[in-house]
Amino acid sequence: MAIALVAGTGTGIGLAAAVTVARGGHTVYAIMRHPAGGAGDIRTIAEAGKLSIPVLPMDVDDDASVRSASTCW
């Protein structure tokens, strides 16, 4: 199975994409700049669907943030 990093998972298309890919049996990491403020919806949906979608803090515009998060997968 593939590993997918999905950005913008707090709402909208990013949230839908992460859930859809996880339902397809793939490993999904939800990345967002501020998970404390925006990860509630994806965690609720993941738990209801018995999906594992870890939420990682990452700012894709910040090289140090990307390097730090890349140690998680």
C-alpha atoms as a PDB file:
ATOM      1  CA  MET A   1       0.000   0.000   0.000  1.00  0.00           C
ATOM      2  CA  ALA A   2       1.036   3.575  -0.639  1.00  0.00           C
ATOM      3  CA  ILE A   3       1.862   6.227   1.916  1.00  0.00           C
ATOM      4  CA  ALA A   4       0.142   9.572   1.356  1.00  0.00           C
ATOM      5  CA  LEU A   5       0.811  12.950   2.945  1.00  0.00           C
ATOM      6  CA  VAL A   6      -2.254  15.115   2.592  1.00  0.00           C
ATOM      7  CA  ALA A   7      -2.002  18.827   3.346  1.00  0.00           C
ATOM      8  CA  GLY A   8      -4.894  21.094   4.264  1.00  0.00           C
ATOM      9  CA  THR A   9      -6.806  18.371   6.056  1.00  0.00           C
ATOM     10  CA  GLY A  10      -8.598  20.693   8.466  1.00  0.00           C
ATOM     11  CA  THR A  11     -11.492  21.228   6.044  1.00  0.00           C
ATOM     12  CA  GLY A  12     -12.759  20.774   2.527  1.00  0.00           C
ATOM     13  CA  ILE A  13     -10.901  18.949  -0.202  1.00  0.00           C
ATOM     14  CA  GLY A  14      -7.889  18.086   1.966  1.00  0.00           C
ATOM     15  CA  LEU A  15     -10.108  16.483   4.605  1.00  0.00           C
ATOM     16  CA  ALA A  16     -12.114  14.548   2.006  1.00  0.00           C
ATOM     17  CA  ALA A  17      -8.953  13.406   0.212  1.00  0.00           C
ATOM     18  CA  ALA A  18      -7.335  12.101   3.406  1.00  0.00           C
ATOM     19  CA  VAL A  19     -10.430  10.125   4.387  1.00  0.00           C
ATOM     20  CA  THR A  20     -10.961   8.750   0.875  1.00  0.00           C
ATOM     21  CA  VAL A  21      -7.358   7.579   0.531  1.00  0.00           C
ATOM     22  CA  ALA A  22      -7.429   5.988   4.003  1.00  0.00           C
ATOM     23  CA  ARG A  23     -10.672   4.180   3.168  1.00  0.00           C
ATOM     24  CA  GLY A  24      -8.844   2.801   0.124  1.00  0.00           C
ATOM     25  CA  GLY A  25      -6.495   0.996   2.507  1.00  0.00           C
ATOM     26  CA  HIS A  26      -3.505   3.312   2.194  1.00  0.00           C
ATOM     27  CA  THR A  27      -1.434   4.811   4.982  1.00  0.00           C
ATOM     28  CA  VAL A  28      -2.357   8.480   5.338  1.00  0.00           C
ATOM     29  CA  TYR A  29      -0.703  11.235   7.335  1.00  0.00           C
ATOM     30  CA  ALA A  30      -2.757  14.398   7.686  1.00  0.00           C
ATOM     31  CA  ILE A  31      -0.469  17.408   7.797  1.00  0.00           C
ATOM     32  CA  MET A  32      -1.407  20.899   8.878  1.00  0.00           C
ATOM     33  CA  ARG A  33       0.332  23.959  10.230  1.00  0.00           C
ATOM     34  CA  HIS A  34      -1.752  24.199  13.399  1.00  0.00           C
ATOM     35  CA  PRO A  35      -3.186  20.787  14.308  1.00  0.00           C
ATOM     36  CA  ALA A  36      -4.314  21.941  17.752  1.00  0.00           C
ATOM     37  CA  GLY A  37      -6.856  24.213  16.140  1.00  0.00           C
ATOM     38  CA  GLY A  38      -7.967  22.224  13.111  1.00  0.00           C
ATOM     39  CA  ALA A  39      -7.566  18.494  13.632  1.00  0.00           C
ATOM     40  CA  GLY A  40     -10.879  17.867  15.381  1.00  0.00           C
ATOM     41  CA  ASP A  41     -12.903  17.032  12.276  1.00  0.00           C
ATOM     42  CA  ILE A  42     -10.414  14.598  10.795  1.00  0.00           C
ATOM     43  CA  ARG A  43      -9.919  12.828  14.127  1.00  0.00           C
ATOM     44  CA  THR A  44     -13.681  12.484  14.606  1.00  0.00           C
ATOM     45  CA  ILE A  45     -14.210  11.128  11.089  1.00  0.00           C
ATOM     46  CA  ALA A  46     -11.227   8.773  11.374  1.00  0.00           C
ATOM     47  CA  GLU A  47     -12.457   7.350  14.673  1.00  0.00           C
ATOM     48  CA  ALA A  48     -16.014   6.881  13.379  1.00  0.00           C
ATOM     49  CA  GLY A  49     -14.718   5.038  10.316  1.00  0.00           C
ATOM     50  CA  LYS A  50     -12.094   3.108  12.302  1.00  0.00           C
ATOM     51  CA  LEU A  51      -9.341   4.672  10.181  1.00  0.00           C
ATOM     52  CA  SER A  52      -5.829   5.446  11.294  1.00  0.00           C
ATOM     53  CA  ILE A  53      -4.975   8.968  10.131  1.00  0.00           C
ATOM     54  CA  PRO A  54      -2.237  10.476  12.287  1.00  0.00           C
ATOM     55  CA  VAL A  55      -2.168  14.274  12.286  1.00  0.00           C
ATOM     56  CA  LEU A  56       1.288  15.836  12.014  1.00  0.00           C
ATOM     57  CA  PRO A  57       2.298  19.453  12.387  1.00  0.00           C
ATOM     58  CA  MET A  58       4.025  20.634   9.220  1.00  0.00           C
ATOM     59  CA  ASP A  59       4.289  23.912   7.361  1.00  0.00           C
ATOM     60  CA  VAL A  60       5.149  22.972   3.785  1.00  0.00           C
ATOM     61  CA  ASP A  61       6.693  26.431   3.276  1.00  0.00           C
ATOM     62  CA  ASP A  62       9.221  25.872   6.076  1.00  0.00           C
ATOM     63  CA  ASP A  63      12.125  23.493   5.306  1.00  0.00           C
ATOM     64  CA  ALA A  64      12.878  22.883   8.992  1.00  0.00           C
ATOM     65  CA  SER A  65       9.244  21.984   9.632  1.00  0.00           C
ATOM     66  CA  VAL A  66       9.251  19.505   6.739  1.00  0.00           C
ATOM     67  CA  ARG A  67      12.500  17.894   7.930  1.00  0.00           C
ATOM     68  CA  SER A  68      11.139  17.596  11.458  1.00  0.00           C
ATOM     69  CA  ALA A  69       7.878  15.997  10.363  1.00  0.00           C
ATOM     70  CA  SER A  70       9.618  13.613   7.964  1.00  0.00           C
ATOM     71  CA  THR A  71      11.027  11.672  10.909  1.00  0.00           C
ATOM     72  CA  CYS A  72       7.484  10.550  11.789  1.00  0.00           C
ATOM     73  CA  TRP A  73       6.894   8.190   8.873  1.00  0.00           C
END
